PDB file of N, CA and C in Angstrom:
ATOM      1  N   MET A   1       0.815  -1.194   0.000  1.00  0.00           N
ATOM      2  CA  MET A   1       0.000   0.000   0.000  1.00  0.00           C
ATOM      3  C   MET A   1       0.862   1.263   0.000  1.00  0.00           C
ATOM      4  N   LYS A   2       1.932   1.269   0.772  1.00  0.00           N
ATOM      5  CA  LYS A   2       2.777   2.463   0.834  1.00  0.00           C
ATOM      6  C   LYS A   2       3.323   2.835  -0.536  1.00  0.00           C
ATOM      7  N   ASP A   3       3.670   1.835  -1.361  1.00  0.00           N
ATOM      8  CA  ASP A   3       4.216   2.124  -2.680  1.00  0.00           C
ATOM      9  C   ASP A   3       3.139   2.567  -3.672  1.00  0.00           C
ATOM     10  N   ARG A   4       1.952   1.976  -3.594  1.00  0.00           N
ATOM     11  CA  ARG A   4       0.868   2.357  -4.509  1.00  0.00           C
ATOM     12  C   ARG A   4       0.342   3.755  -4.209  1.00  0.00           C
ATOM     13  N   THR A   5       0.280   4.110  -2.944  1.00  0.00           N
ATOM     14  CA  THR A   5      -0.317   5.389  -2.564  1.00  0.00           C
ATOM     15  C   THR A   5       0.711   6.472  -2.285  1.00  0.00           C
ATOM     16  N   GLY A   6       1.980   6.104  -2.138  1.00  0.00           N
ATOM     17  CA  GLY A   6       3.008   7.071  -1.782  1.00  0.00           C
ATOM     18  C   GLY A   6       2.954   7.463  -0.321  1.00  0.00           C
ATOM     19  N   MET A   7       2.413   6.600   0.516  1.00  0.00           N
ATOM     20  CA  MET A   7       2.212   6.901   1.928  1.00  0.00           C
ATOM     21  C   MET A   7       3.494   6.669   2.726  1.00  0.00           C
ATOM     22  N   PHE A   8       3.824   7.630   3.583  1.00  0.00           N
ATOM     23  CA  PHE A   8       4.936   7.509   4.520  1.00  0.00           C
ATOM     24  C   PHE A   8       4.337   7.148   5.871  1.00  0.00           C
ATOM     25  N   ILE A   9       4.859   6.100   6.509  1.00  0.00           N
ATOM     26  CA  ILE A   9       4.305   5.633   7.776  1.00  0.00           C
ATOM     27  C   ILE A   9       5.431   5.464   8.786  1.00  0.00           C
ATOM     28  N   ILE A  10       5.228   6.019   9.979  1.00  0.00           N
ATOM     29  CA  ILE A  10       6.144   5.743  11.085  1.00  0.00           C
ATOM     30  C   ILE A  10       5.287   5.490  12.320  1.00  0.00           C
ATOM     31  N   SER A  11       5.641   4.450  13.034  1.00  0.00           N
ATOM     32  CA  SER A  11       4.958   4.163  14.299  1.00  0.00           C
ATOM     33  C   SER A  11       6.011   4.187  15.396  1.00  0.00           C
ATOM     34  N   GLY A  12       5.566   4.485  16.590  1.00  0.00           N
ATOM     35  CA  GLY A  12       6.492   4.589  17.714  1.00  0.00           C
ATOM     36  C   GLY A  12       7.246   3.307  17.988  1.00  0.00           C
ATOM     37  N   CYS A  13       6.604   2.173  17.680  1.00  0.00           N
ATOM     38  CA  CYS A  13       7.228   0.872  17.913  1.00  0.00           C
ATOM     39  C   CYS A  13       6.371  -0.193  17.231  1.00  0.00           C
ATOM     40  N   ALA A  14       6.840  -1.419  17.289  1.00  0.00           N
ATOM     41  CA  ALA A  14       6.056  -2.535  16.776  1.00  0.00           C
ATOM     42  C   ALA A  14       4.832  -2.730  17.669  1.00  0.00           C
ATOM     43  N   ALA A  15       3.832  -3.423  17.168  1.00  0.00           N
ATOM     44  CA  ALA A  15       2.571  -3.609  17.897  1.00  0.00           C
ATOM     45  C   ALA A  15       2.759  -4.293  19.246  1.00  0.00           C
ATOM     46  N   ASP A  16       3.762  -5.141  19.362  1.00  0.00           N
ATOM     47  CA  ASP A  16       3.963  -5.877  20.619  1.00  0.00           C
ATOM     48  C   ASP A  16       5.052  -5.268  21.506  1.00  0.00           C
ATOM     49  N   ALA A  17       5.389  -3.995  21.262  1.00  0.00           N
ATOM     50  CA  ALA A  17       6.446  -3.332  22.030  1.00  0.00           C
ATOM     51  C   ALA A  17       5.898  -2.072  22.707  1.00  0.00           C
ATOM     52  N   VAL A  18       6.768  -1.395  23.452  1.00  0.00           N
ATOM     53  CA  VAL A  18       6.371  -0.225  24.225  1.00  0.00           C
ATOM     54  C   VAL A  18       6.848   1.056  23.546  1.00  0.00           C
ATOM     55  N   SER A  19       5.985   2.056  23.562  1.00  0.00           N
ATOM     56  CA  SER A  19       6.315   3.388  23.071  1.00  0.00           C
ATOM     57  C   SER A  19       6.332   4.318  24.285  1.00  0.00           C
ATOM     58  N   TYR A  20       7.457   4.985  24.531  1.00  0.00           N
ATOM     59  CA  TYR A  20       7.639   5.749  25.766  1.00  0.00           C
ATOM     60  C   TYR A  20       7.265   7.215  25.655  1.00  0.00           C
ATOM     61  N   GLU A  21       6.798   7.748  26.773  1.00  0.00           N
ATOM     62  CA  GLU A  21       6.649   9.178  26.981  1.00  0.00           C
ATOM     63  C   GLU A  21       7.521   9.503  28.177  1.00  0.00           C
ATOM     64  N   ALA A  22       8.191  10.644  28.118  1.00  0.00           N
ATOM     65  CA  ALA A  22       9.077  11.019  29.227  1.00  0.00           C
ATOM     66  C   ALA A  22       8.850  12.481  29.582  1.00  0.00           C
ATOM     67  N   SER A  23       8.694  12.742  30.856  1.00  0.00           N
ATOM     68  CA  SER A  23       8.411  14.108  31.300  1.00  0.00           C
ATOM     69  C   SER A  23       9.536  15.071  30.923  1.00  0.00           C
ATOM     70  N   ARG A  24      10.763  14.577  30.841  1.00  0.00           N
ATOM     71  CA  ARG A  24      11.868  15.485  30.483  1.00  0.00           C
ATOM     72  C   ARG A  24      11.747  16.003  29.060  1.00  0.00           C
ATOM     73  N   TYR A  25      11.007  15.299  28.196  1.00  0.00           N
ATOM     74  CA  TYR A  25      10.808  15.744  26.818  1.00  0.00           C
ATOM     75  C   TYR A  25       9.428  16.368  26.603  1.00  0.00           C
ATOM     76  N   GLY A  26       8.543  16.208  27.563  1.00  0.00           N
ATOM     77  CA  GLY A  26       7.230  16.833  27.482  1.00  0.00           C
ATOM     78  C   GLY A  26       6.244  16.150  26.564  1.00  0.00           C
ATOM     79  N   GLN A  27       6.611  15.010  26.008  1.00  0.00           N
ATOM     80  CA  GLN A  27       5.733  14.216  25.141  1.00  0.00           C
ATOM     81  C   GLN A  27       6.391  12.871  24.859  1.00  0.00           C
ATOM     82  N   GLY A  28       5.804  12.127  23.953  1.00  0.00           N
ATOM     83  CA  GLY A  28       6.389  10.854  23.563  1.00  0.00           C
ATOM     84  C   GLY A  28       7.717  11.059  22.846  1.00  0.00           C
ATOM     85  N   LEU A  29       8.561  10.053  22.886  1.00  0.00           N
ATOM     86  CA  LEU A  29       9.887  10.168  22.270  1.00  0.00           C
ATOM     87  C   LEU A  29       9.811  10.363  20.762  1.00  0.00           C
ATOM     88  N   LEU A  30       8.891   9.677  20.117  1.00  0.00           N
ATOM     89  CA  LEU A  30       8.746   9.836  18.672  1.00  0.00           C
ATOM     90  C   LEU A  30       8.305  11.255  18.332  1.00  0.00           C
ATOM     91  N   THR A  31       7.306  11.759  19.035  1.00  0.00           N
ATOM     92  CA  THR A  31       6.838  13.127  18.796  1.00  0.00           C
ATOM     93  C   THR A  31       7.963  14.126  19.023  1.00  0.00           C
ATOM     94  N   TYR A  32       8.717  13.939  20.076  1.00  0.00           N
ATOM     95  CA  TYR A  32       9.823  14.832  20.393  1.00  0.00           C
ATOM     96  C   TYR A  32      10.832  14.883  19.239  1.00  0.00           C
ATOM     97  N   THR A  33      11.225  13.725  18.723  1.00  0.00           N
ATOM     98  CA  THR A  33      12.228  13.714  17.653  1.00  0.00           C
ATOM     99  C   THR A  33      11.676  14.288  16.353  1.00  0.00           C
ATOM    100  N   ILE A  34      10.405  14.075  16.081  1.00  0.00           N
ATOM    101  CA  ILE A  34       9.798  14.659  14.877  1.00  0.00           C
ATOM    102  C   ILE A  34       9.817  16.182  14.984  1.00  0.00           C
ATOM    103  N   LEU A  35       9.453  16.711  16.131  1.00  0.00           N
ATOM    104  CA  LEU A  35       9.471  18.162  16.320  1.00  0.00           C
ATOM    105  C   LEU A  35      10.888  18.716  16.232  1.00  0.00           C
ATOM    106  N   GLN A  36      11.853  18.010  16.809  1.00  0.00           N
ATOM    107  CA  GLN A  36      13.247  18.440  16.710  1.00  0.00           C
ATOM    108  C   GLN A  36      13.709  18.469  15.258  1.00  0.00           C
ATOM    109  N   ALA A  37      13.358  17.454  14.508  1.00  0.00           N
ATOM    110  CA  ALA A  37      13.753  17.398  13.103  1.00  0.00           C
ATOM    111  C   ALA A  37      13.137  18.548  12.320  1.00  0.00           C
ATOM    112  N   MET A  38      11.894  18.887  12.638  1.00  0.00           N
ATOM    113  CA  MET A  38      11.219  19.985  11.942  1.00  0.00           C
ATOM    114  C   MET A  38      11.833  21.342  12.297  1.00  0.00           C
ATOM    115  N   LYS A  39      12.514  21.410  13.423  1.00  0.00           N
ATOM    116  CA  LYS A  39      13.160  22.654  13.830  1.00  0.00           C
ATOM    117  C   LYS A  39      14.541  22.826  13.210  1.00  0.00           C
ATOM    118  N   GLY A  40      15.054  21.783  12.541  1.00  0.00           N
ATOM    119  CA  GLY A  40      16.388  21.956  11.988  1.00  0.00           C
ATOM    120  C   GLY A  40      16.915  20.830  11.134  1.00  0.00           C
ATOM    121  N   VAL A  41      17.024  19.639  11.680  1.00  0.00           N
ATOM    122  CA  VAL A  41      17.698  18.536  10.997  1.00  0.00           C
ATOM    123  C   VAL A  41      17.080  18.199   9.641  1.00  0.00           C
ATOM    124  N   ALA A  42      15.760  18.224   9.553  1.00  0.00           N
ATOM    125  CA  ALA A  42      15.085  17.830   8.314  1.00  0.00           C
ATOM    126  C   ALA A  42      14.762  19.012   7.406  1.00  0.00           C
ATOM    127  N   LEU A  43      15.239  20.189   7.769  1.00  0.00           N
ATOM    128  CA  LEU A  43      14.903  21.365   6.972  1.00  0.00           C
ATOM    129  C   LEU A  43      15.839  21.559   5.794  1.00  0.00           C
ATOM    130  N   ARG A  44      15.257  21.999   4.714  1.00  0.00           N
ATOM    131  CA  ARG A  44      16.012  22.449   3.547  1.00  0.00           C
ATOM    132  C   ARG A  44      15.744  23.938   3.420  1.00  0.00           C
ATOM    133  N   GLU A  45      16.778  24.695   3.256  1.00  0.00           N
ATOM    134  CA  GLU A  45      16.666  26.142   3.100  1.00  0.00           C
ATOM    135  C   GLU A  45      15.895  26.786   4.256  1.00  0.00           C
ATOM    136  N   ASP A  46      15.930  26.176   5.421  1.00  0.00           N
ATOM    137  CA  ASP A  46      15.274  26.679   6.637  1.00  0.00           C
ATOM    138  C   ASP A  46      13.767  26.860   6.518  1.00  0.00           C
ATOM    139  N   LYS A  47      13.140  26.260   5.505  1.00  0.00           N
ATOM    140  CA  LYS A  47      11.691  26.422   5.375  1.00  0.00           C
ATOM    141  C   LYS A  47      10.964  25.240   4.754  1.00  0.00           C
ATOM    142  N   PHE A  48      11.686  24.220   4.314  1.00  0.00           N
ATOM    143  CA  PHE A  48      11.060  23.048   3.726  1.00  0.00           C
ATOM    144  C   PHE A  48      11.453  21.805   4.521  1.00  0.00           C
ATOM    145  N   VAL A  49      10.465  20.965   4.846  1.00  0.00           N
ATOM    146  CA  VAL A  49      10.732  19.728   5.576  1.00  0.00           C
ATOM    147  C   VAL A  49      10.828  18.580   4.587  1.00  0.00           C
ATOM    148  N   ASP A  50      11.933  17.859   4.630  1.00  0.00           N
ATOM    149  CA  ASP A  50      12.108  16.647   3.842  1.00  0.00           C
ATOM    150  C   ASP A  50      11.591  15.493   4.704  1.00  0.00           C
ATOM    151  N   VAL A  51      10.452  14.928   4.325  1.00  0.00           N
ATOM    152  CA  VAL A  51       9.795  13.908   5.146  1.00  0.00           C
ATOM    153  C   VAL A  51      10.672  12.674   5.329  1.00  0.00           C
ATOM    154  N   ASN A  52      11.361  12.266   4.295  1.00  0.00           N
ATOM    155  CA  ASN A  52      12.240  11.097   4.392  1.00  0.00           C
ATOM    156  C   ASN A  52      13.342  11.340   5.422  1.00  0.00           C
ATOM    157  N   THR A  53      13.978  12.497   5.381  1.00  0.00           N
ATOM    158  CA  THR A  53      15.020  12.845   6.348  1.00  0.00           C
ATOM    159  C   THR A  53      14.443  12.910   7.757  1.00  0.00           C
ATOM    160  N   LEU A  54      13.271  13.511   7.898  1.00  0.00           N
ATOM    161  CA  LEU A  54      12.607  13.635   9.194  1.00  0.00           C
ATOM    162  C   LEU A  54      12.349  12.265   9.812  1.00  0.00           C
ATOM    163  N   LEU A  55      11.772  11.362   9.040  1.00  0.00           N
ATOM    164  CA  LEU A  55      11.427  10.044   9.569  1.00  0.00           C
ATOM    165  C   LEU A  55      12.666   9.216   9.891  1.00  0.00           C
ATOM    166  N   ASN A  56      13.677   9.305   9.043  1.00  0.00           N
ATOM    167  CA  ASN A  56      14.913   8.572   9.316  1.00  0.00           C
ATOM    168  C   ASN A  56      15.626   9.123  10.547  1.00  0.00           C
ATOM    169  N   TYR A  57      15.602  10.430  10.740  1.00  0.00           N
ATOM    170  CA  TYR A  57      16.174  11.035  11.944  1.00  0.00           C
ATOM    171  C   TYR A  57      15.480  10.469  13.186  1.00  0.00           C
ATOM    172  N   SER A  58      14.156  10.456  13.167  1.00  0.00           N
ATOM    173  CA  SER A  58      13.398   9.948  14.310  1.00  0.00           C
ATOM    174  C   SER A  58      13.692   8.475  14.558  1.00  0.00           C
ATOM    175  N   ARG A  59      13.771   7.701  13.493  1.00  0.00           N
ATOM    176  CA  ARG A  59      14.058   6.267  13.642  1.00  0.00           C
ATOM    177  C   ARG A  59      15.419   6.043  14.299  1.00  0.00           C
ATOM    178  N   GLU A  60      16.383   6.916  14.021  1.00  0.00           N
ATOM    179  CA  GLU A  60      17.721   6.775  14.607  1.00  0.00           C
ATOM    180  C   GLU A  60      17.814   7.336  16.028  1.00  0.00           C
ATOM    181  N   GLU A  61      17.087   8.407  16.315  1.00  0.00           N
ATOM    182  CA  GLU A  61      17.218   9.088  17.608  1.00  0.00           C
ATOM    183  C   GLU A  61      16.367   8.488  18.724  1.00  0.00           C
ATOM    184  N   VAL A  62      15.191   7.981  18.400  1.00  0.00           N
ATOM    185  CA  VAL A  62      14.307   7.448  19.436  1.00  0.00           C
ATOM    186  C   VAL A  62      14.980   6.349  20.259  1.00  0.00           C
ATOM    187  N   PRO A  63      15.671   5.381  19.672  1.00  0.00           N
ATOM    188  CA  PRO A  63      16.333   4.364  20.506  1.00  0.00           C
ATOM    189  C   PRO A  63      17.348   4.958  21.486  1.00  0.00           C
ATOM    190  N   LYS A  64      18.031   6.026  21.092  1.00  0.00           N
ATOM    191  CA  LYS A  64      18.994   6.679  21.978  1.00  0.00           C
ATOM    192  C   LYS A  64      18.271   7.330  23.158  1.00  0.00           C
ATOM    193  N   LEU A  65      17.176   8.024  22.881  1.00  0.00           N
ATOM    194  CA  LEU A  65      16.412   8.659  23.953  1.00  0.00           C
ATOM    195  C   LEU A  65      15.796   7.617  24.878  1.00  0.00           C
ATOM    196  N   ALA A  66      15.307   6.536  24.305  1.00  0.00           N
ATOM    197  CA  ALA A  66      14.707   5.468  25.105  1.00  0.00           C
ATOM    198  C   ALA A  66      15.747   4.858  26.050  1.00  0.00           C
ATOM    199  N   ALA A  67      16.947   4.660  25.555  1.00  0.00           N
ATOM    200  CA  ALA A  67      18.014   4.128  26.409  1.00  0.00           C
ATOM    201  C   ALA A  67      18.281   5.078  27.572  1.00  0.00           C
ATOM    202  N   GLY A  68      18.140   6.377  27.333  1.00  0.00           N
ATOM    203  CA  GLY A  68      18.351   7.373  28.373  1.00  0.00           C
ATOM    204  C   GLY A  68      17.299   7.353  29.474  1.00  0.00           C
ATOM    205  N   VAL A  69      16.148   6.775  29.190  1.00  0.00           N
ATOM    206  CA  VAL A  69      15.098   6.647  30.217  1.00  0.00           C
ATOM    207  C   VAL A  69      14.958   5.197  30.673  1.00  0.00           C
ATOM    208  N   GLY A  70      15.951   4.379  30.317  1.00  0.00           N
ATOM    209  CA  GLY A  70      15.976   2.997  30.771  1.00  0.00           C
ATOM    210  C   GLY A  70      15.108   2.041  29.987  1.00  0.00           C
ATOM    211  N   GLY A  71      14.801   2.383  28.759  1.00  0.00           N
ATOM    212  CA  GLY A  71      13.933   1.522  27.962  1.00  0.00           C
ATOM    213  C   GLY A  71      14.512   1.190  26.607  1.00  0.00           C
ATOM    214  N   ILE A  72      13.755   0.440  25.864  1.00  0.00           N
ATOM    215  CA  ILE A  72      14.090   0.082  24.489  1.00  0.00           C
ATOM    216  C   ILE A  72      12.889   0.436  23.634  1.00  0.00           C
ATOM    217  N   GLN A  73      13.117   1.229  22.592  1.00  0.00           N
ATOM    218  CA  GLN A  73      12.049   1.586  21.665  1.00  0.00           C
ATOM    219  C   GLN A  73      12.639   1.724  20.274  1.00  0.00           C
ATOM    220  N   GLU A  74      12.054   1.024  19.321  1.00  0.00           N
ATOM    221  CA  GLU A  74      12.521   1.086  17.941  1.00  0.00           C
ATOM    222  C   GLU A  74      11.348   1.403  17.026  1.00  0.00           C
ATOM    223  N   PRO A  75      11.289   2.646  16.534  1.00  0.00           N
ATOM    224  CA  PRO A  75      10.206   3.007  15.612  1.00  0.00           C
ATOM    225  C   PRO A  75      10.231   2.151  14.352  1.00  0.00           C
ATOM    226  N   GLN A  76       9.051   1.915  13.819  1.00  0.00           N
ATOM    227  CA  GLN A  76       8.902   1.158  12.578  1.00  0.00           C
ATOM    228  C   GLN A  76       8.625   2.159  11.468  1.00  0.00           C
ATOM    229  N   LEU A  77       9.365   2.052  10.365  1.00  0.00           N
ATOM    230  CA  LEU A  77       9.283   3.019   9.280  1.00  0.00           C
ATOM    231  C   LEU A  77       8.977   2.316   7.967  1.00  0.00           C
ATOM    232  N   LEU A  78       7.969   2.806   7.268  1.00  0.00           N
ATOM    233  CA  LEU A  78       7.630   2.336   5.930  1.00  0.00           C
ATOM    234  C   LEU A  78       7.576   3.549   5.022  1.00  0.00           C
ATOM    235  N   ILE A  79       8.437   3.562   4.013  1.00  0.00           N
ATOM    236  CA  ILE A  79       8.443   4.685   3.081  1.00  0.00           C
ATOM    237  C   ILE A  79       8.316   4.155   1.655  1.00  0.00           C
ATOM    238  N   PRO A  80       7.662   4.916   0.785  1.00  0.00           N
ATOM    239  CA  PRO A  80       7.496   4.459  -0.594  1.00  0.00           C
ATOM    240  C   PRO A  80       8.831   4.487  -1.341  1.00  0.00           C
ATOM    241  N   LYS A  81       8.922   3.660  -2.342  1.00  0.00           N
ATOM    242  CA  LYS A  81      10.119   3.643  -3.170  1.00  0.00           C
ATOM    243  C   LYS A  81      10.153   4.898  -4.042  1.00  0.00           C
ATOM    244  N   GLY A  82      11.345   5.396  -4.253  1.00  0.00           N
ATOM    245  CA  GLY A  82      11.500   6.450  -5.243  1.00  0.00           C
ATOM    246  C   GLY A  82      11.425   7.878  -4.764  1.00  0.00           C
ATOM    247  N   GLY A  83      11.904   8.174  -3.577  1.00  0.00           N
ATOM    248  CA  GLY A  83      12.001   9.575  -3.238  1.00  0.00           C
ATOM    249  C   GLY A  83      11.418   9.962  -1.914  1.00  0.00           C
ATOM    250  N   SER A  84      11.213  11.257  -1.787  1.00  0.00           N
ATOM    251  CA  SER A  84      10.718  11.819  -0.547  1.00  0.00           C
ATOM    252  C   SER A  84       9.586  12.781  -0.852  1.00  0.00           C
ATOM    253  N   LEU A  85       9.129  13.430   0.161  1.00  0.00           N
ATOM    254  CA  LEU A  85       8.081  14.414   0.068  1.00  0.00           C
ATOM    255  C   LEU A  85       8.604  15.649   0.763  1.00  0.00           C
ATOM    256  N   ILE A  86       8.489  16.804   0.124  1.00  0.00           N
ATOM    257  CA  ILE A  86       8.965  18.043   0.694  1.00  0.00           C
ATOM    258  C   ILE A  86       7.764  18.903   1.068  1.00  0.00           C
ATOM    259  N   LEU A  87       7.739  19.351   2.318  1.00  0.00           N
ATOM    260  CA  LEU A  87       6.645  20.197   2.808  1.00  0.00           C
ATOM    261  C   LEU A  87       7.165  21.575   3.131  1.00  0.00           C
ATOM    262  N   GLY A  88       6.435  22.621   2.758  1.00  0.00           N
ATOM    263  CA  GLY A  88       6.821  23.985   3.100  1.00  0.00           C
ATOM    264  C   GLY A  88       6.268  24.365   4.453  1.00  0.00           C
ATOM    265  N   LEU A  89       7.058  25.103   5.218  1.00  0.00           N
ATOM    266  CA  LEU A  89       6.599  25.566   6.532  1.00  0.00           C
ATOM    267  C   LEU A  89       6.036  26.956   6.418  1.00  0.00           C
TER     268      LEU A  89
END
């Protein structure tokens, strides 16, 4: 479905795993990393969000943050073949 529709999907974790929220971040770890990426890491020209970069950043950073709160969390990422999606802010 992701390839036919061009849908980008990220979930906080697999269905049988735990997705963490931590008071030090003020929300869930996945949400925190997505917001961080939108503030800088995933930006092009300081005004466009590259969705592929954003999701990959979150997939890499969430396990590090989870380890910092004593847990294990691995986001699941499904992206369509053939590129990314650029959003203007």
